[in-house]
Amino acid sequence: MLLHSAEKEIDDKTVTAVLTAAGVDADKARVKALVASLSDVDIGEAMATAVAAPVAAGAPAAAVGGGDAPAAAEEAPAEEEEEEEGGGFGGLGDLFG
């Protein structure tokens, strides 16, 4: 996201530079895998979707409003489980330890 925001090319060299600046010993194979996985991703769209997702997830609970409180409490754990399963970002985060 940092490289995208700075309008820099997302390639092995720039990703390694960011990781090195952050004090991370970058593994070349992992950097190459990360860059390859991001090659087909529209990062601007992904960031906009990620920002909007928490708002959208909270909307159904707010719509229930004056409903039965125990029913709302029963739904909350199911939503948390869905978020954990559908995160998808653990794989990229795991690339760097």
PDB file of N, CA and C in Angstrom:
ATOM      1  N   MET A   1       0.837  -1.186   0.000  1.00  0.00           N
ATOM      2  CA  MET A   1       0.000   0.000   0.000  1.00  0.00           C
ATOM      3  C   MET A   1       0.882   1.248   0.000  1.00  0.00           C
ATOM      4  N   LEU A   2       1.998   1.165   0.689  1.00  0.00           N
ATOM      5  CA  LEU A   2       2.899   2.308   0.742  1.00  0.00           C
ATOM      6  C   LEU A   2       3.425   2.640  -0.650  1.00  0.00           C
ATOM      7  N   LEU A   3       3.866   1.627  -1.371  1.00  0.00           N
ATOM      8  CA  LEU A   3       4.372   1.855  -2.723  1.00  0.00           C
ATOM      9  C   LEU A   3       3.272   2.364  -3.646  1.00  0.00           C
ATOM     10  N   HIS A   4       2.089   1.812  -3.516  1.00  0.00           N
ATOM     11  CA  HIS A   4       0.961   2.265  -4.338  1.00  0.00           C
ATOM     12  C   HIS A   4       0.642   3.736  -4.050  1.00  0.00           C
ATOM     13  N   SER A   5       0.592   4.088  -2.775  1.00  0.00           N
ATOM     14  CA  SER A   5       0.278   5.467  -2.385  1.00  0.00           C
ATOM     15  C   SER A   5       1.344   6.448  -2.881  1.00  0.00           C
ATOM     16  N   ALA A   6       2.594   5.975  -2.929  1.00  0.00           N
ATOM     17  CA  ALA A   6       3.689   6.819  -3.399  1.00  0.00           C
ATOM     18  C   ALA A   6       3.819   6.788  -4.923  1.00  0.00           C
ATOM     19  N   GLU A   7       2.909   6.053  -5.569  1.00  0.00           N
ATOM     20  CA  GLU A   7       2.908   5.901  -7.025  1.00  0.00           C
ATOM     21  C   GLU A   7       4.234   5.347  -7.549  1.00  0.00           C
ATOM     22  N   LYS A   8       4.787   4.386  -6.805  1.00  0.00           N
ATOM     23  CA  LYS A   8       6.027   3.708  -7.195  1.00  0.00           C
ATOM     24  C   LYS A   8       5.689   2.347  -7.786  1.00  0.00           C
ATOM     25  N   GLU A   9       6.567   1.850  -8.638  1.00  0.00           N
ATOM     26  CA  GLU A   9       6.418   0.529  -9.230  1.00  0.00           C
ATOM     27  C   GLU A   9       6.537  -0.533  -8.135  1.00  0.00           C
ATOM     28  N   ILE A  10       5.652  -1.503  -8.161  1.00  0.00           N
ATOM     29  CA  ILE A  10       5.716  -2.597  -7.184  1.00  0.00           C
ATOM     30  C   ILE A  10       6.483  -3.743  -7.846  1.00  0.00           C
ATOM     31  N   ASP A  11       7.765  -3.785  -7.527  1.00  0.00           N
ATOM     32  CA  ASP A  11       8.627  -4.826  -8.066  1.00  0.00           C
ATOM     33  C   ASP A  11       9.556  -5.326  -6.958  1.00  0.00           C
ATOM     34  N   ASP A  12      10.387  -6.303  -7.291  1.00  0.00           N
ATOM     35  CA  ASP A  12      11.271  -6.908  -6.289  1.00  0.00           C
ATOM     36  C   ASP A  12      12.151  -5.862  -5.603  1.00  0.00           C
ATOM     37  N   LYS A  13      12.695  -4.958  -6.384  1.00  0.00           N
ATOM     38  CA  LYS A  13      13.627  -3.961  -5.860  1.00  0.00           C
ATOM     39  C   LYS A  13      12.952  -3.027  -4.852  1.00  0.00           C
ATOM     40  N   THR A  14      11.786  -2.484  -5.201  1.00  0.00           N
ATOM     41  CA  THR A  14      11.125  -1.520  -4.318  1.00  0.00           C
ATOM     42  C   THR A  14      10.548  -2.193  -3.069  1.00  0.00           C
ATOM     43  N   VAL A  15      10.003  -3.397  -3.220  1.00  0.00           N
ATOM     44  CA  VAL A  15       9.471  -4.110  -2.052  1.00  0.00           C
ATOM     45  C   VAL A  15      10.613  -4.444  -1.093  1.00  0.00           C
ATOM     46  N   THR A  16      11.747  -4.900  -1.631  1.00  0.00           N
ATOM     47  CA  THR A  16      12.912  -5.204  -0.793  1.00  0.00           C
ATOM     48  C   THR A  16      13.404  -3.948  -0.090  1.00  0.00           C
ATOM     49  N   ALA A  17      13.413  -2.811  -0.782  1.00  0.00           N
ATOM     50  CA  ALA A  17      13.853  -1.551  -0.178  1.00  0.00           C
ATOM     51  C   ALA A  17      12.958  -1.156   0.996  1.00  0.00           C
ATOM     52  N   VAL A  18      11.644  -1.311   0.834  1.00  0.00           N
ATOM     53  CA  VAL A  18      10.714  -0.973   1.923  1.00  0.00           C
ATOM     54  C   VAL A  18      10.936  -1.901   3.113  1.00  0.00           C
ATOM     55  N   LEU A  19      11.073  -3.189   2.854  1.00  0.00           N
ATOM     56  CA  LEU A  19      11.281  -4.145   3.945  1.00  0.00           C
ATOM     57  C   LEU A  19      12.604  -3.890   4.659  1.00  0.00           C
ATOM     58  N   THR A  20      13.650  -3.594   3.906  1.00  0.00           N
ATOM     59  CA  THR A  20      14.954  -3.306   4.495  1.00  0.00           C
ATOM     60  C   THR A  20      14.881  -2.042   5.350  1.00  0.00           C
ATOM     61  N   ALA A  21      14.180  -1.019   4.860  1.00  0.00           N
ATOM     62  CA  ALA A  21      14.016   0.217   5.628  1.00  0.00           C
ATOM     63  C   ALA A  21      13.257  -0.021   6.928  1.00  0.00           C
ATOM     64  N   ALA A  22      12.393  -1.034   6.922  1.00  0.00           N
ATOM     65  CA  ALA A  22      11.628  -1.368   8.126  1.00  0.00           C
ATOM     66  C   ALA A  22      12.407  -2.301   9.052  1.00  0.00           C
ATOM     67  N   GLY A  23      13.615  -2.659   8.650  1.00  0.00           N
ATOM     68  CA  GLY A  23      14.443  -3.514   9.493  1.00  0.00           C
ATOM     69  C   GLY A  23      14.182  -4.997   9.312  1.00  0.00           C
ATOM     70  N   VAL A  24      13.562  -5.370   8.198  1.00  0.00           N
ATOM     71  CA  VAL A  24      13.239  -6.770   7.929  1.00  0.00           C
ATOM     72  C   VAL A  24      14.269  -7.338   6.966  1.00  0.00           C
ATOM     73  N   ASP A  25      14.775  -8.527   7.279  1.00  0.00           N
ATOM     74  CA  ASP A  25      15.679  -9.228   6.375  1.00  0.00           C
ATOM     75  C   ASP A  25      14.819  -9.926   5.331  1.00  0.00           C
ATOM     76  N   ALA A  26      14.734  -9.337   4.134  1.00  0.00           N
ATOM     77  CA  ALA A  26      13.819  -9.814   3.095  1.00  0.00           C
ATOM     78  C   ALA A  26      14.370 -11.055   2.407  1.00  0.00           C
ATOM     79  N   ASP A  27      13.551 -12.093   2.344  1.00  0.00           N
ATOM     80  CA  ASP A  27      13.868 -13.327   1.627  1.00  0.00           C
ATOM     81  C   ASP A  27      13.497 -13.102   0.164  1.00  0.00           C
ATOM     82  N   LYS A  28      14.474 -13.234  -0.739  1.00  0.00           N
ATOM     83  CA  LYS A  28      14.242 -12.934  -2.158  1.00  0.00           C
ATOM     84  C   LYS A  28      13.117 -13.772  -2.755  1.00  0.00           C
ATOM     85  N   ALA A  29      13.032 -15.031  -2.397  1.00  0.00           N
ATOM     86  CA  ALA A  29      11.976 -15.899  -2.945  1.00  0.00           C
ATOM     87  C   ALA A  29      10.599 -15.437  -2.475  1.00  0.00           C
ATOM     88  N   ARG A  30      10.500 -15.020  -1.227  1.00  0.00           N
ATOM     89  CA  ARG A  30       9.215 -14.557  -0.704  1.00  0.00           C
ATOM     90  C   ARG A  30       8.810 -13.223  -1.313  1.00  0.00           C
ATOM     91  N   VAL A  31       9.793 -12.351  -1.518  1.00  0.00           N
ATOM     92  CA  VAL A  31       9.507 -11.060  -2.155  1.00  0.00           C
ATOM     93  C   VAL A  31       9.008 -11.304  -3.571  1.00  0.00           C
ATOM     94  N   LYS A  32       9.675 -12.202  -4.295  1.00  0.00           N
ATOM     95  CA  LYS A  32       9.272 -12.512  -5.667  1.00  0.00           C
ATOM     96  C   LYS A  32       7.851 -13.082  -5.685  1.00  0.00           C
ATOM     97  N   ALA A  33       7.518 -13.953  -4.720  1.00  0.00           N
ATOM     98  CA  ALA A  33       6.169 -14.527  -4.643  1.00  0.00           C
ATOM     99  C   ALA A  33       5.134 -13.446  -4.339  1.00  0.00           C
ATOM    100  N   LEU A  34       5.468 -12.526  -3.455  1.00  0.00           N
ATOM    101  CA  LEU A  34       4.557 -11.430  -3.125  1.00  0.00           C
ATOM    102  C   LEU A  34       4.294 -10.551  -4.340  1.00  0.00           C
ATOM    103  N   VAL A  35       5.349 -10.166  -5.028  1.00  0.00           N
ATOM    104  CA  VAL A  35       5.212  -9.314  -6.211  1.00  0.00           C
ATOM    105  C   VAL A  35       4.383 -10.027  -7.276  1.00  0.00           C
ATOM    106  N   ALA A  36       4.629 -11.317  -7.458  1.00  0.00           N
ATOM    107  CA  ALA A  36       3.856 -12.083  -8.447  1.00  0.00           C
ATOM    108  C   ALA A  36       2.387 -12.147  -8.060  1.00  0.00           C
ATOM    109  N   SER A  37       2.097 -12.323  -6.763  1.00  0.00           N
ATOM    110  CA  SER A  37       0.699 -12.416  -6.331  1.00  0.00           C
ATOM    111  C   SER A  37      -0.029 -11.080  -6.452  1.00  0.00           C
ATOM    112  N   LEU A  38       0.711  -9.995  -6.414  1.00  0.00           N
ATOM    113  CA  LEU A  38       0.095  -8.665  -6.521  1.00  0.00           C
ATOM    114  C   LEU A  38       0.009  -8.156  -7.955  1.00  0.00           C
ATOM    115  N   SER A  39       0.607  -8.872  -8.909  1.00  0.00           N
ATOM    116  CA  SER A  39       0.675  -8.373 -10.283  1.00  0.00           C
ATOM    117  C   SER A  39      -0.709  -8.181 -10.924  1.00  0.00           C
ATOM    118  N   ASP A  40      -1.677  -9.003 -10.561  1.00  0.00           N
ATOM    119  CA  ASP A  40      -3.013  -8.903 -11.149  1.00  0.00           C
ATOM    120  C   ASP A  40      -4.021  -8.204 -10.240  1.00  0.00           C
ATOM    121  N   VAL A  41      -3.546  -7.603  -9.161  1.00  0.00           N
ATOM    122  CA  VAL A  41      -4.438  -6.971  -8.183  1.00  0.00           C
ATOM    123  C   VAL A  41      -4.498  -5.472  -8.439  1.00  0.00           C
ATOM    124  N   ASP A  42      -5.715  -4.933  -8.492  1.00  0.00           N
ATOM    125  CA  ASP A  42      -5.911  -3.489  -8.548  1.00  0.00           C
ATOM    126  C   ASP A  42      -5.880  -3.003  -7.098  1.00  0.00           C
ATOM    127  N   ILE A  43      -4.735  -2.520  -6.669  1.00  0.00           N
ATOM    128  CA  ILE A  43      -4.534  -2.188  -5.260  1.00  0.00           C
ATOM    129  C   ILE A  43      -5.462  -1.058  -4.814  1.00  0.00           C
ATOM    130  N   GLY A  44      -5.685  -0.080  -5.650  1.00  0.00           N
ATOM    131  CA  GLY A  44      -6.602   1.009  -5.305  1.00  0.00           C
ATOM    132  C   GLY A  44      -8.002   0.491  -5.029  1.00  0.00           C
ATOM    133  N   GLU A  45      -8.473  -0.422  -5.876  1.00  0.00           N
ATOM    134  CA  GLU A  45      -9.803  -1.008  -5.687  1.00  0.00           C
ATOM    135  C   GLU A  45      -9.833  -1.879  -4.429  1.00  0.00           C
ATOM    136  N   ALA A  46      -8.764  -2.643  -4.203  1.00  0.00           N
ATOM    137  CA  ALA A  46      -8.703  -3.504  -3.019  1.00  0.00           C
ATOM    138  C   ALA A  46      -8.709  -2.671  -1.739  1.00  0.00           C
ATOM    139  N   MET A  47      -8.012  -1.553  -1.743  1.00  0.00           N
ATOM    140  CA  MET A  47      -7.991  -0.679  -0.566  1.00  0.00           C
ATOM    141  C   MET A  47      -9.373  -0.075  -0.327  1.00  0.00           C
ATOM    142  N   ALA A  48     -10.045   0.338  -1.385  1.00  0.00           N
ATOM    143  CA  ALA A  48     -11.382   0.917  -1.238  1.00  0.00           C
ATOM    144  C   ALA A  48     -12.361  -0.127  -0.724  1.00  0.00           C
ATOM    145  N   THR A  49     -12.236  -1.348  -1.207  1.00  0.00           N
ATOM    146  CA  THR A  49     -13.111  -2.430  -0.758  1.00  0.00           C
ATOM    147  C   THR A  49     -12.840  -2.778   0.696  1.00  0.00           C
ATOM    148  N   ALA A  50     -11.569  -2.817   1.074  1.00  0.00           N
ATOM    149  CA  ALA A  50     -11.200  -3.158   2.455  1.00  0.00           C
ATOM    150  C   ALA A  50     -11.686  -2.095   3.433  1.00  0.00           C
ATOM    151  N   VAL A  51     -11.649  -0.842   3.029  1.00  0.00           N
ATOM    152  CA  VAL A  51     -12.113   0.245   3.891  1.00  0.00           C
ATOM    153  C   VAL A  51     -13.627   0.177   4.037  1.00  0.00           C
ATOM    154  N   ALA A  52     -14.338  -0.164   2.973  1.00  0.00           N
ATOM    155  CA  ALA A  52     -15.798  -0.212   2.999  1.00  0.00           C
ATOM    156  C   ALA A  52     -16.320  -1.474   3.675  1.00  0.00           C
ATOM    157  N   ALA A  53     -15.554  -2.537   3.710  1.00  0.00           N
ATOM    158  CA  ALA A  53     -16.017  -3.821   4.237  1.00  0.00           C
ATOM    159  C   ALA A  53     -16.458  -3.753   5.702  1.00  0.00           C
ATOM    160  N   PRO A  54     -15.699  -3.145   6.620  1.00  0.00           N
ATOM    161  CA  PRO A  54     -16.159  -3.100   8.006  1.00  0.00           C
ATOM    162  C   PRO A  54     -17.468  -2.335   8.174  1.00  0.00           C
ATOM    163  N   VAL A  55     -17.677  -1.303   7.393  1.00  0.00           N
ATOM    164  CA  VAL A  55     -18.922  -0.542   7.468  1.00  0.00           C
ATOM    165  C   VAL A  55     -20.080  -1.411   7.007  1.00  0.00           C
ATOM    166  N   ALA A  56     -19.890  -2.126   5.925  1.00  0.00           N
ATOM    167  CA  ALA A  56     -20.942  -2.988   5.386  1.00  0.00           C
ATOM    168  C   ALA A  56     -21.244  -4.135   6.346  1.00  0.00           C
ATOM    169  N   ALA A  57     -20.245  -4.664   7.020  1.00  0.00           N
ATOM    170  CA  ALA A  57     -20.453  -5.767   7.953  1.00  0.00           C
ATOM    171  C   ALA A  57     -21.269  -5.314   9.164  1.00  0.00           C
ATOM    172  N   GLY A  58     -21.119  -4.063   9.569  1.00  0.00           N
ATOM    173  CA  GLY A  58     -21.855  -3.556  10.719  1.00  0.00           C
ATOM    174  C   GLY A  58     -23.269  -3.131  10.387  1.00  0.00           C
ATOM    175  N   ALA A  59     -23.582  -2.929   9.141  1.00  0.00           N
ATOM    176  CA  ALA A  59     -24.894  -2.431   8.734  1.00  0.00           C
ATOM    177  C   ALA A  59     -26.048  -3.357   9.105  1.00  0.00           C
ATOM    178  N   PRO A  60     -25.972  -4.681   8.886  1.00  0.00           N
ATOM    179  CA  PRO A  60     -27.107  -5.537   9.247  1.00  0.00           C
ATOM    180  C   PRO A  60     -27.412  -5.513  10.744  1.00  0.00           C
ATOM    181  N   ALA A  61     -26.392  -5.465  11.573  1.00  0.00           N
ATOM    182  CA  ALA A  61     -26.620  -5.434  13.016  1.00  0.00           C
ATOM    183  C   ALA A  61     -27.310  -4.138  13.420  1.00  0.00           C
ATOM    184  N   ALA A  62     -26.941  -3.042  12.793  1.00  0.00           N
ATOM    185  CA  ALA A  62     -27.565  -1.759  13.096  1.00  0.00           C
ATOM    186  C   ALA A  62     -29.012  -1.746  12.611  1.00  0.00           C
ATOM    187  N   ALA A  63     -29.303  -2.431  11.533  1.00  0.00           N
ATOM    188  CA  ALA A  63     -30.654  -2.464  10.992  1.00  0.00           C
ATOM    189  C   ALA A  63     -31.605  -3.210  11.918  1.00  0.00           C
ATOM    190  N   VAL A  64     -31.083  -4.192  12.663  1.00  0.00           N
ATOM    191  CA  VAL A  64     -31.907  -4.950  13.602  1.00  0.00           C
ATOM    192  C   VAL A  64     -32.386  -4.022  14.704  1.00  0.00           C
ATOM    193  N   GLY A  65     -31.490  -3.156  15.194  1.00  0.00           N
ATOM    194  CA  GLY A  65     -31.812  -2.109  16.160  1.00  0.00           C
ATOM    195  C   GLY A  65     -32.656  -2.546  17.333  1.00  0.00           C
ATOM    196  N   GLY A  66     -33.962  -2.309  17.300  1.00  0.00           N
ATOM    197  CA  GLY A  66     -34.844  -2.546  18.421  1.00  0.00           C
ATOM    198  C   GLY A  66     -35.293  -3.987  18.545  1.00  0.00           C
ATOM    199  N   GLY A  67     -34.696  -4.877  17.818  1.00  0.00           N
ATOM    200  CA  GLY A  67     -35.093  -6.286  17.860  1.00  0.00           C
ATOM    201  C   GLY A  67     -34.684  -6.965  19.144  1.00  0.00           C
ATOM    202  N   ASP A  68     -34.848  -8.251  19.185  1.00  0.00           N
ATOM    203  CA  ASP A  68     -34.540  -9.059  20.352  1.00  0.00           C
ATOM    204  C   ASP A  68     -33.029  -9.107  20.564  1.00  0.00           C
ATOM    205  N   ALA A  69     -32.536  -8.614  21.682  1.00  0.00           N
ATOM    206  CA  ALA A  69     -31.094  -8.544  21.953  1.00  0.00           C
ATOM    207  C   ALA A  69     -30.430  -9.912  21.968  1.00  0.00           C
ATOM    208  N   PRO A  70     -31.021 -10.963  22.581  1.00  0.00           N
ATOM    209  CA  PRO A  70     -30.352 -12.266  22.557  1.00  0.00           C
ATOM    210  C   PRO A  70     -30.160 -12.796  21.136  1.00  0.00           C
ATOM    211  N   ALA A  71     -31.083 -12.542  20.252  1.00  0.00           N
ATOM    212  CA  ALA A  71     -30.936 -13.003  18.864  1.00  0.00           C
ATOM    213  C   ALA A  71     -29.741 -12.327  18.214  1.00  0.00           C
ATOM    214  N   ALA A  72     -29.550 -11.046  18.466  1.00  0.00           N
ATOM    215  CA  ALA A  72     -28.407 -10.323  17.907  1.00  0.00           C
ATOM    216  C   ALA A  72     -27.108 -10.872  18.480  1.00  0.00           C
ATOM    217  N   ALA A  73     -27.099 -11.228  19.760  1.00  0.00           N
ATOM    218  CA  ALA A  73     -25.900 -11.781  20.387  1.00  0.00           C
ATOM    219  C   ALA A  73     -25.554 -13.136  19.790  1.00  0.00           C
ATOM    220  N   GLU A  74     -26.553 -13.918  19.408  1.00  0.00           N
ATOM    221  CA  GLU A  74     -26.296 -15.222  18.799  1.00  0.00           C
ATOM    222  C   GLU A  74     -25.682 -15.070  17.412  1.00  0.00           C
ATOM    223  N   GLU A  75     -26.028 -14.019  16.693  1.00  0.00           N
ATOM    224  CA  GLU A  75     -25.501 -13.811  15.346  1.00  0.00           C
ATOM    225  C   GLU A  75     -24.067 -13.312  15.364  1.00  0.00           C
ATOM    226  N   ALA A  76     -23.667 -12.578  16.367  1.00  0.00           N
ATOM    227  CA  ALA A  76     -22.339 -11.971  16.413  1.00  0.00           C
ATOM    228  C   ALA A  76     -21.207 -12.991  16.307  1.00  0.00           C
ATOM    229  N   PRO A  77     -21.195 -14.096  17.042  1.00  0.00           N
ATOM    230  CA  PRO A  77     -20.084 -15.040  16.907  1.00  0.00           C
ATOM    231  C   PRO A  77     -19.973 -15.625  15.498  1.00  0.00           C
ATOM    232  N   ALA A  78     -21.076 -15.848  14.823  1.00  0.00           N
ATOM    233  CA  ALA A  78     -21.033 -16.384  13.464  1.00  0.00           C
ATOM    234  C   ALA A  78     -20.343 -15.398  12.529  1.00  0.00           C
ATOM    235  N   GLU A  79     -20.596 -14.113  12.694  1.00  0.00           N
ATOM    236  CA  GLU A  79     -19.954 -13.099  11.856  1.00  0.00           C
ATOM    237  C   GLU A  79     -18.456 -13.088  12.092  1.00  0.00           C
ATOM    238  N   GLU A  80     -18.018 -13.217  13.351  1.00  0.00           N
ATOM    239  CA  GLU A  80     -16.599 -13.226  13.659  1.00  0.00           C
ATOM    240  C   GLU A  80     -15.921 -14.418  13.009  1.00  0.00           C
ATOM    241  N   GLU A  81     -16.558 -15.578  13.030  1.00  0.00           N
ATOM    242  CA  GLU A  81     -15.978 -16.763  12.412  1.00  0.00           C
ATOM    243  C   GLU A  81     -15.831 -16.574  10.910  1.00  0.00           C
ATOM    244  N   GLU A  82     -16.791 -15.955  10.273  1.00  0.00           N
ATOM    245  CA  GLU A  82     -16.717 -15.719   8.837  1.00  0.00           C
ATOM    246  C   GLU A  82     -15.549 -14.804   8.501  1.00  0.00           C
ATOM    247  N   GLU A  83     -15.311 -13.785   9.316  1.00  0.00           N
ATOM    248  CA  GLU A  83     -14.204 -12.870   9.065  1.00  0.00           C
ATOM    249  C   GLU A  83     -12.872 -13.598   9.171  1.00  0.00           C
ATOM    250  N   GLU A  84     -12.728 -14.477  10.168  1.00  0.00           N
ATOM    251  CA  GLU A  84     -11.487 -15.206  10.344  1.00  0.00           C
ATOM    252  C   GLU A  84     -11.218 -16.118   9.152  1.00  0.00           C
ATOM    253  N   GLU A  85     -12.244 -16.783   8.659  1.00  0.00           N
ATOM    254  CA  GLU A  85     -12.077 -17.709   7.546  1.00  0.00           C
ATOM    255  C   GLU A  85     -11.843 -16.971   6.236  1.00  0.00           C
ATOM    256  N   GLY A  86     -12.451 -15.826   6.050  1.00  0.00           N
ATOM    257  CA  GLY A  86     -12.407 -15.124   4.783  1.00  0.00           C
ATOM    258  C   GLY A  86     -11.355 -14.032   4.718  1.00  0.00           C
ATOM    259  N   GLY A  87     -10.505 -13.889   5.708  1.00  0.00           N
ATOM    260  CA  GLY A  87      -9.513 -12.816   5.734  1.00  0.00           C
ATOM    261  C   GLY A  87      -8.622 -12.810   4.508  1.00  0.00           C
ATOM    262  N   GLY A  88      -8.007 -13.935   4.197  1.00  0.00           N
ATOM    263  CA  GLY A  88      -7.195 -14.047   3.009  1.00  0.00           C
ATOM    264  C   GLY A  88      -5.857 -13.333   3.076  1.00  0.00           C
ATOM    265  N   PHE A  89      -5.650 -12.449   4.031  1.00  0.00           N
ATOM    266  CA  PHE A  89      -4.410 -11.700   4.093  1.00  0.00           C
ATOM    267  C   PHE A  89      -3.351 -12.410   4.920  1.00  0.00           C
ATOM    268  N   GLY A  90      -3.732 -13.445   5.655  1.00  0.00           N
ATOM    269  CA  GLY A  90      -2.759 -14.176   6.450  1.00  0.00           C
ATOM    270  C   GLY A  90      -1.653 -14.755   5.595  1.00  0.00           C
ATOM    271  N   GLY A  91      -1.966 -15.209   4.408  1.00  0.00           N
ATOM    272  CA  GLY A  91      -0.976 -15.799   3.529  1.00  0.00           C
ATOM    273  C   GLY A  91       0.112 -14.806   3.136  1.00  0.00           C
ATOM    274  N   LEU A  92      -0.271 -13.580   2.792  1.00  0.00           N
ATOM    275  CA  LEU A  92       0.718 -12.570   2.428  1.00  0.00           C
ATOM    276  C   LEU A  92       1.518 -12.135   3.646  1.00  0.00           C
ATOM    277  N   GLY A  93       0.861 -11.986   4.771  1.00  0.00           N
ATOM    278  CA  GLY A  93       1.553 -11.589   5.997  1.00  0.00           C
ATOM    279  C   GLY A  93       2.533 -12.642   6.461  1.00  0.00           C
ATOM    280  N   ASP A  94       2.220 -13.891   6.211  1.00  0.00           N
ATOM    281  CA  ASP A  94       3.088 -14.977   6.611  1.00  0.00           C
ATOM    282  C   ASP A  94       4.360 -15.050   5.771  1.00  0.00           C
ATOM    283  N   LEU A  95       4.372 -14.379   4.630  1.00  0.00           N
ATOM    284  CA  LEU A  95       5.554 -14.396   3.777  1.00  0.00           C
ATOM    285  C   LEU A  95       6.775 -13.815   4.463  1.00  0.00           C
ATOM    286  N   PHE A  96       6.575 -12.911   5.403  1.00  0.00           N
ATOM    287  CA  PHE A  96       7.702 -12.201   6.006  1.00  0.00           C
ATOM    288  C   PHE A  96       7.839 -12.467   7.497  1.00  0.00           C
ATOM    289  N   GLY A  97       7.369 -13.621   7.928  1.00  0.00           N
ATOM    290  CA  GLY A  97       7.604 -14.062   9.286  1.00  0.00           C
ATOM    291  C   GLY A  97       6.578 -13.601  10.217  1.00  0.00           C
TER     292      GLY A  97
END
